[in-house]
């Protein structure tokens, strides 16, 4: 499970995947509410990861463990 770092820049959410030395804009988030955040994360360029949903939207930057998301 790679460690990913989410951060906001110019009102956009970005994800850095340390294992791949990859930073990409987040283009989709399964759950993006203040009271429930995470799930399937889609990145610019087509990569997808899964972050266990959090009870609240985190304060950025935040480091979390992620797994590769299933296609579909």
PDB file of N, CA and C in Angstrom:
ATOM      1  N   UNK A   1       0.841  -1.185   0.000  1.00  0.00           N
ATOM      2  CA  UNK A   1       0.000   0.000   0.000  1.00  0.00           C
ATOM      3  C   UNK A   1       0.882   1.242   0.000  1.00  0.00           C
ATOM      4  N   UNK A   2       0.803   2.027  -1.054  1.00  0.00           N
ATOM      5  CA  UNK A   2       1.623   3.236  -1.080  1.00  0.00           C
ATOM      6  C   UNK A   2       1.058   4.324  -0.166  1.00  0.00           C
ATOM      7  N   UNK A   3       1.937   5.195   0.258  1.00  0.00           N
ATOM      8  CA  UNK A   3       1.531   6.378   1.010  1.00  0.00           C
ATOM      9  C   UNK A   3       1.257   7.474  -0.009  1.00  0.00           C
ATOM     10  N   UNK A   4       0.127   8.140   0.136  1.00  0.00           N
ATOM     11  CA  UNK A   4      -0.209   9.253  -0.743  1.00  0.00           C
ATOM     12  C   UNK A   4      -0.394  10.498   0.117  1.00  0.00           C
ATOM     13  N   UNK A   5      -0.051  11.624  -0.465  1.00  0.00           N
ATOM     14  CA  UNK A   5      -0.189  12.898   0.229  1.00  0.00           C
ATOM     15  C   UNK A   5      -1.153  13.752  -0.576  1.00  0.00           C
ATOM     16  N   UNK A   6      -2.220  14.186   0.069  1.00  0.00           N
ATOM     17  CA  UNK A   6      -3.182  15.078  -0.564  1.00  0.00           C
ATOM     18  C   UNK A   6      -2.891  16.491  -0.101  1.00  0.00           C
ATOM     19  N   UNK A   7      -2.955  17.431  -1.057  1.00  0.00           N
ATOM     20  CA  UNK A   7      -2.783  18.842  -0.699  1.00  0.00           C
ATOM     21  C   UNK A   7      -3.613  19.694  -1.639  1.00  0.00           C
ATOM     22  N   UNK A   8      -3.974  20.870  -1.172  1.00  0.00           N
ATOM     23  CA  UNK A   8      -4.741  21.803  -1.986  1.00  0.00           C
ATOM     24  C   UNK A   8      -3.812  22.886  -2.510  1.00  0.00           C
ATOM     25  N   UNK A   9      -4.038  23.222  -3.778  1.00  0.00           N
ATOM     26  CA  UNK A   9      -3.280  24.307  -4.405  1.00  0.00           C
ATOM     27  C   UNK A   9      -4.234  25.014  -5.354  1.00  0.00           C
ATOM     28  N   UNK A  10      -4.417  26.297  -5.169  1.00  0.00           N
ATOM     29  CA  UNK A  10      -5.315  27.090  -6.010  1.00  0.00           C
ATOM     30  C   UNK A  10      -6.706  26.466  -6.093  1.00  0.00           C
ATOM     31  N   UNK A  11      -7.249  26.075  -4.954  1.00  0.00           N
ATOM     32  CA  UNK A  11      -8.592  25.490  -4.830  1.00  0.00           C
ATOM     33  C   UNK A  11      -8.740  24.153  -5.556  1.00  0.00           C
ATOM     34  N   UNK A  12      -7.639  23.523  -5.932  1.00  0.00           N
ATOM     35  CA  UNK A  12      -7.650  22.195  -6.556  1.00  0.00           C
ATOM     36  C   UNK A  12      -6.967  21.211  -5.626  1.00  0.00           C
ATOM     37  N   UNK A  13      -7.449  19.976  -5.624  1.00  0.00           N
ATOM     38  CA  UNK A  13      -6.856  18.931  -4.799  1.00  0.00           C
ATOM     39  C   UNK A  13      -5.851  18.147  -5.634  1.00  0.00           C
ATOM     40  N   UNK A  14      -4.661  17.948  -5.089  1.00  0.00           N
ATOM     41  CA  UNK A  14      -3.603  17.186  -5.747  1.00  0.00           C
ATOM     42  C   UNK A  14      -3.214  16.011  -4.873  1.00  0.00           C
ATOM     43  N   UNK A  15      -2.731  14.962  -5.527  1.00  0.00           N
ATOM     44  CA  UNK A  15      -2.317  13.754  -4.829  1.00  0.00           C
ATOM     45  C   UNK A  15      -0.890  13.420  -5.259  1.00  0.00           C
ATOM     46  N   UNK A  16      -0.029  13.190  -4.276  1.00  0.00           N
ATOM     47  CA  UNK A  16       1.347  12.784  -4.546  1.00  0.00           C
ATOM     48  C   UNK A  16       1.492  11.336  -4.098  1.00  0.00           C
ATOM     49  N   UNK A  17       1.891  10.464  -5.026  1.00  0.00           N
ATOM     50  CA  UNK A  17       2.112   9.053  -4.728  1.00  0.00           C
ATOM     51  C   UNK A  17       3.614   8.872  -4.562  1.00  0.00           C
ATOM     52  N   UNK A  18       4.054   8.730  -3.317  1.00  0.00           N
ATOM     53  CA  UNK A  18       5.482   8.689  -3.013  1.00  0.00           C
ATOM     54  C   UNK A  18       6.189   7.538  -3.720  1.00  0.00           C
ATOM     55  N   UNK A  19       5.576   6.374  -3.754  1.00  0.00           N
ATOM     56  CA  UNK A  19       6.205   5.187  -4.337  1.00  0.00           C
ATOM     57  C   UNK A  19       6.525   5.371  -5.822  1.00  0.00           C
ATOM     58  N   UNK A  20       5.711   6.168  -6.514  1.00  0.00           N
ATOM     59  CA  UNK A  20       5.902   6.397  -7.950  1.00  0.00           C
ATOM     60  C   UNK A  20       6.520   7.756  -8.254  1.00  0.00           C
ATOM     61  N   UNK A  21       6.737   8.580  -7.232  1.00  0.00           N
ATOM     62  CA  UNK A  21       7.183   9.959  -7.411  1.00  0.00           C
ATOM     63  C   UNK A  21       6.285  10.663  -8.427  1.00  0.00           C
ATOM     64  N   UNK A  22       4.969  10.538  -8.211  1.00  0.00           N
ATOM     65  CA  UNK A  22       3.961  11.060  -9.129  1.00  0.00           C
ATOM     66  C   UNK A  22       3.057  12.037  -8.399  1.00  0.00           C
ATOM     67  N   UNK A  23       2.888  13.221  -8.966  1.00  0.00           N
ATOM     68  CA  UNK A  23       1.896  14.159  -8.454  1.00  0.00           C
ATOM     69  C   UNK A  23       0.898  14.425  -9.563  1.00  0.00           C
ATOM     70  N   UNK A  24      -0.390  14.335  -9.242  1.00  0.00           N
ATOM     71  CA  UNK A  24      -1.429  14.550 -10.242  1.00  0.00           C
ATOM     72  C   UNK A  24      -2.639  15.207  -9.598  1.00  0.00           C
ATOM     73  N   UNK A  25      -3.388  15.927 -10.417  1.00  0.00           N
ATOM     74  CA  UNK A  25      -4.617  16.560  -9.953  1.00  0.00           C
ATOM     75  C   UNK A  25      -5.674  15.484  -9.736  1.00  0.00           C
ATOM     76  N   UNK A  26      -6.423  15.609  -8.657  1.00  0.00           N
ATOM     77  CA  UNK A  26      -7.533  14.695  -8.388  1.00  0.00           C
ATOM     78  C   UNK A  26      -8.700  15.134  -9.267  1.00  0.00           C
ATOM     79  N   UNK A  27      -9.187  14.213 -10.106  1.00  0.00           N
ATOM     80  CA  UNK A  27     -10.300  14.527 -11.002  1.00  0.00           C
ATOM     81  C   UNK A  27     -11.620  13.960 -10.506  1.00  0.00           C
ATOM     82  N   UNK A  28     -11.566  13.050  -9.544  1.00  0.00           N
ATOM     83  CA  UNK A  28     -12.793  12.482  -8.994  1.00  0.00           C
ATOM     84  C   UNK A  28     -12.559  11.909  -7.612  1.00  0.00           C
ATOM     85  N   UNK A  29     -13.556  12.056  -6.760  1.00  0.00           N
ATOM     86  CA  UNK A  29     -13.487  11.536  -5.393  1.00  0.00           C
ATOM     87  C   UNK A  29     -14.853  10.930  -5.089  1.00  0.00           C
ATOM     88  N   UNK A  30     -14.858   9.668  -4.663  1.00  0.00           N
ATOM     89  CA  UNK A  30     -16.120   8.979  -4.393  1.00  0.00           C
ATOM     90  C   UNK A  30     -16.947   9.699  -3.323  1.00  0.00           C
ATOM     91  N   UNK A  31     -16.320  10.058  -2.218  1.00  0.00           N
ATOM     92  CA  UNK A  31     -17.009  10.764  -1.138  1.00  0.00           C
ATOM     93  C   UNK A  31     -16.246  12.049  -0.847  1.00  0.00           C
ATOM     94  N   UNK A  32     -16.858  13.185  -1.129  1.00  0.00           N
ATOM     95  CA  UNK A  32     -16.196  14.474  -0.930  1.00  0.00           C
ATOM     96  C   UNK A  32     -17.114  15.403  -0.139  1.00  0.00           C
ATOM     97  N   UNK A  33     -17.425  14.973   1.081  1.00  0.00           N
ATOM     98  CA  UNK A  33     -18.283  15.769   1.957  1.00  0.00           C
ATOM     99  C   UNK A  33     -17.495  16.118   3.218  1.00  0.00           C
ATOM    100  N   UNK A  34     -17.958  17.118   3.926  1.00  0.00           N
ATOM    101  CA  UNK A  34     -17.270  17.512   5.165  1.00  0.00           C
ATOM    102  C   UNK A  34     -17.381  16.441   6.237  1.00  0.00           C
ATOM    103  N   UNK A  35     -18.451  15.625   6.184  1.00  0.00           N
ATOM    104  CA  UNK A  35     -18.654  14.607   7.215  1.00  0.00           C
ATOM    105  C   UNK A  35     -18.263  13.199   6.763  1.00  0.00           C
ATOM    106  N   UNK A  36     -17.809  13.043   5.522  1.00  0.00           N
ATOM    107  CA  UNK A  36     -17.415  11.719   5.013  1.00  0.00           C
ATOM    108  C   UNK A  36     -16.553  11.943   3.777  1.00  0.00           C
ATOM    109  N   UNK A  37     -15.303  11.501   3.817  1.00  0.00           N
ATOM    110  CA  UNK A  37     -14.360  11.837   2.750  1.00  0.00           C
ATOM    111  C   UNK A  37     -13.486  10.635   2.431  1.00  0.00           C
ATOM    112  N   UNK A  38     -13.268  10.365   1.144  1.00  0.00           N
ATOM    113  CA  UNK A  38     -12.369   9.287   0.725  1.00  0.00           C
ATOM    114  C   UNK A  38     -13.017   8.379  -0.294  1.00  0.00           C
ATOM    115  N   UNK A  39     -12.637   7.099  -0.248  1.00  0.00           N
ATOM    116  CA  UNK A  39     -13.138   6.135  -1.225  1.00  0.00           C
ATOM    117  C   UNK A  39     -12.265   6.119  -2.465  1.00  0.00           C
ATOM    118  N   UNK A  40     -12.889   5.899  -3.603  1.00  0.00           N
ATOM    119  CA  UNK A  40     -12.172   5.830  -4.877  1.00  0.00           C
ATOM    120  C   UNK A  40     -11.701   7.227  -5.284  1.00  0.00           C
ATOM    121  N   UNK A  41     -10.417   7.336  -5.583  1.00  0.00           N
ATOM    122  CA  UNK A  41      -9.805   8.605  -5.978  1.00  0.00           C
ATOM    123  C   UNK A  41      -9.300   8.455  -7.404  1.00  0.00           C
ATOM    124  N   UNK A  42      -9.794   9.294  -8.304  1.00  0.00           N
ATOM    125  CA  UNK A  42      -9.364   9.265  -9.702  1.00  0.00           C
ATOM    126  C   UNK A  42      -8.405  10.422  -9.943  1.00  0.00           C
ATOM    127  N   UNK A  43      -7.274  10.101 -10.578  1.00  0.00           N
ATOM    128  CA  UNK A  43      -6.248  11.106 -10.843  1.00  0.00           C
ATOM    129  C   UNK A  43      -6.182  11.439 -12.322  1.00  0.00           C
ATOM    130  N   UNK A  44      -5.745  12.649 -12.602  1.00  0.00           N
ATOM    131  CA  UNK A  44      -5.490  13.065 -13.971  1.00  0.00           C
ATOM    132  C   UNK A  44      -4.484  12.092 -14.574  1.00  0.00           C
ATOM    133  N   UNK A  45      -4.742  11.599 -15.749  1.00  0.00           N
ATOM    134  CA  UNK A  45      -3.858  10.624 -16.372  1.00  0.00           C
ATOM    135  C   UNK A  45      -4.401   9.209 -16.269  1.00  0.00           C
ATOM    136  N   UNK A  46      -5.498   9.024 -15.510  1.00  0.00           N
ATOM    137  CA  UNK A  46      -6.168   7.738 -15.494  1.00  0.00           C
ATOM    138  C   UNK A  46      -5.899   6.813 -14.321  1.00  0.00           C
ATOM    139  N   UNK A  47      -4.921   7.112 -13.475  1.00  0.00           N
ATOM    140  CA  UNK A  47      -4.662   6.229 -12.330  1.00  0.00           C
ATOM    141  C   UNK A  47      -5.770   6.408 -11.291  1.00  0.00           C
ATOM    142  N   UNK A  48      -6.097   5.302 -10.614  1.00  0.00           N
ATOM    143  CA  UNK A  48      -7.125   5.321  -9.572  1.00  0.00           C
ATOM    144  C   UNK A  48      -6.612   4.618  -8.330  1.00  0.00           C
ATOM    145  N   UNK A  49      -6.943   5.175  -7.192  1.00  0.00           N
ATOM    146  CA  UNK A  49      -6.562   4.602  -5.905  1.00  0.00           C
ATOM    147  C   UNK A  49      -7.780   4.576  -4.998  1.00  0.00           C
ATOM    148  N   UNK A  50      -7.665   3.815  -3.925  1.00  0.00           N
ATOM    149  CA  UNK A  50      -8.732   3.748  -2.934  1.00  0.00           C
ATOM    150  C   UNK A  50      -8.156   4.131  -1.577  1.00  0.00           C
ATOM    151  N   UNK A  51      -8.798   5.098  -0.943  1.00  0.00           N
ATOM    152  CA  UNK A  51      -8.422   5.551   0.392  1.00  0.00           C
ATOM    153  C   UNK A  51      -9.594   5.224   1.310  1.00  0.00           C
ATOM    154  N   UNK A  52      -9.325   4.562   2.418  1.00  0.00           N
ATOM    155  CA  UNK A  52     -10.409   4.262   3.358  1.00  0.00           C
ATOM    156  C   UNK A  52     -11.138   5.547   3.719  1.00  0.00           C
ATOM    157  N   UNK A  53     -12.469   5.545   3.609  1.00  0.00           N
ATOM    158  CA  UNK A  53     -13.231   6.753   3.938  1.00  0.00           C
ATOM    159  C   UNK A  53     -12.956   7.227   5.364  1.00  0.00           C
ATOM    160  N   UNK A  54     -12.842   8.538   5.490  1.00  0.00           N
ATOM    161  CA  UNK A  54     -12.579   9.193   6.771  1.00  0.00           C
ATOM    162  C   UNK A  54     -13.890   9.754   7.320  1.00  0.00           C
ATOM    163  N   UNK A  55     -13.985   9.863   8.640  1.00  0.00           N
ATOM    164  CA  UNK A  55     -15.196  10.386   9.279  1.00  0.00           C
ATOM    165  C   UNK A  55     -15.421  11.870   9.012  1.00  0.00           C
ATOM    166  N   UNK A  56     -14.385  12.566   8.608  1.00  0.00           N
ATOM    167  CA  UNK A  56     -14.492  13.991   8.304  1.00  0.00           C
ATOM    168  C   UNK A  56     -13.458  14.331   7.240  1.00  0.00           C
ATOM    169  N   UNK A  57     -13.728  15.395   6.497  1.00  0.00           N
ATOM    170  CA  UNK A  57     -12.759  15.851   5.503  1.00  0.00           C
ATOM    171  C   UNK A  57     -11.504  16.302   6.244  1.00  0.00           C
ATOM    172  N   UNK A  58     -10.329  15.787   5.862  1.00  0.00           N
ATOM    173  CA  UNK A  58      -9.110  16.135   6.600  1.00  0.00           C
ATOM    174  C   UNK A  58      -8.635  17.556   6.311  1.00  0.00           C
ATOM    175  N   UNK A  59      -7.759  18.016   7.158  1.00  0.00           N
ATOM    176  CA  UNK A  59      -7.068  19.286   6.935  1.00  0.00           C
ATOM    177  C   UNK A  59      -5.860  18.960   6.065  1.00  0.00           C
ATOM    178  N   UNK A  60      -5.697  19.674   4.968  1.00  0.00           N
ATOM    179  CA  UNK A  60      -4.613  19.396   4.024  1.00  0.00           C
ATOM    180  C   UNK A  60      -3.397  20.243   4.356  1.00  0.00           C
ATOM    181  N   UNK A  61      -2.191  19.730   4.127  1.00  0.00           N
ATOM    182  CA  UNK A  61      -1.857  18.428   3.537  1.00  0.00           C
ATOM    183  C   UNK A  61      -2.049  17.289   4.541  1.00  0.00           C
ATOM    184  N   UNK A  62      -2.335  16.096   3.992  1.00  0.00           N
ATOM    185  CA  UNK A  62      -2.530  14.915   4.819  1.00  0.00           C
ATOM    186  C   UNK A  62      -1.925  13.707   4.110  1.00  0.00           C
ATOM    187  N   UNK A  63      -1.271  12.834   4.874  1.00  0.00           N
ATOM    188  CA  UNK A  63      -0.697  11.589   4.344  1.00  0.00           C
ATOM    189  C   UNK A  63      -1.597  10.431   4.746  1.00  0.00           C
ATOM    190  N   UNK A  64      -1.944   9.597   3.763  1.00  0.00           N
ATOM    191  CA  UNK A  64      -2.806   8.443   4.000  1.00  0.00           C
ATOM    192  C   UNK A  64      -2.289   7.251   3.215  1.00  0.00           C
ATOM    193  N   UNK A  65      -2.663   6.072   3.645  1.00  0.00           N
ATOM    194  CA  UNK A  65      -2.345   4.859   2.889  1.00  0.00           C
ATOM    195  C   UNK A  65      -3.436   4.649   1.850  1.00  0.00           C
ATOM    196  N   UNK A  66      -3.036   4.179   0.686  1.00  0.00           N
ATOM    197  CA  UNK A  66      -3.987   3.942  -0.399  1.00  0.00           C
ATOM    198  C   UNK A  66      -3.668   2.608  -1.057  1.00  0.00           C
ATOM    199  N   UNK A  67      -4.651   2.064  -1.725  1.00  0.00           N
ATOM    200  CA  UNK A  67      -4.441   0.858  -2.522  1.00  0.00           C
ATOM    201  C   UNK A  67      -4.905   1.162  -3.936  1.00  0.00           C
ATOM    202  N   UNK A  68      -4.445   0.366  -4.881  1.00  0.00           N
ATOM    203  CA  UNK A  68      -4.891   0.562  -6.261  1.00  0.00           C
ATOM    204  C   UNK A  68      -6.359   0.204  -6.350  1.00  0.00           C
ATOM    205  N   UNK A  69      -7.133   1.047  -6.999  1.00  0.00           N
ATOM    206  CA  UNK A  69      -8.571   0.816  -7.132  1.00  0.00           C
ATOM    207  C   UNK A  69      -8.829  -0.159  -8.268  1.00  0.00           C
ATOM    208  N   UNK A  70      -9.903  -0.902  -8.134  1.00  0.00           N
ATOM    209  CA  UNK A  70     -10.338  -1.808  -9.202  1.00  0.00           C
ATOM    210  C   UNK A  70     -10.791  -0.984 -10.392  1.00  0.00           C
ATOM    211  N   UNK A  71     -10.608  -1.522 -11.578  1.00  0.00           N
ATOM    212  CA  UNK A  71     -11.083  -0.845 -12.780  1.00  0.00           C
ATOM    213  C   UNK A  71     -12.598  -0.911 -12.826  1.00  0.00           C
ATOM    214  N   UNK A  72     -13.169   0.128 -13.428  1.00  0.00           N
ATOM    215  CA  UNK A  72     -14.617   0.100 -13.617  1.00  0.00           C
ATOM    216  C   UNK A  72     -15.356   1.172 -12.955  1.00  0.00           C
TER     217      UNK A  72
END
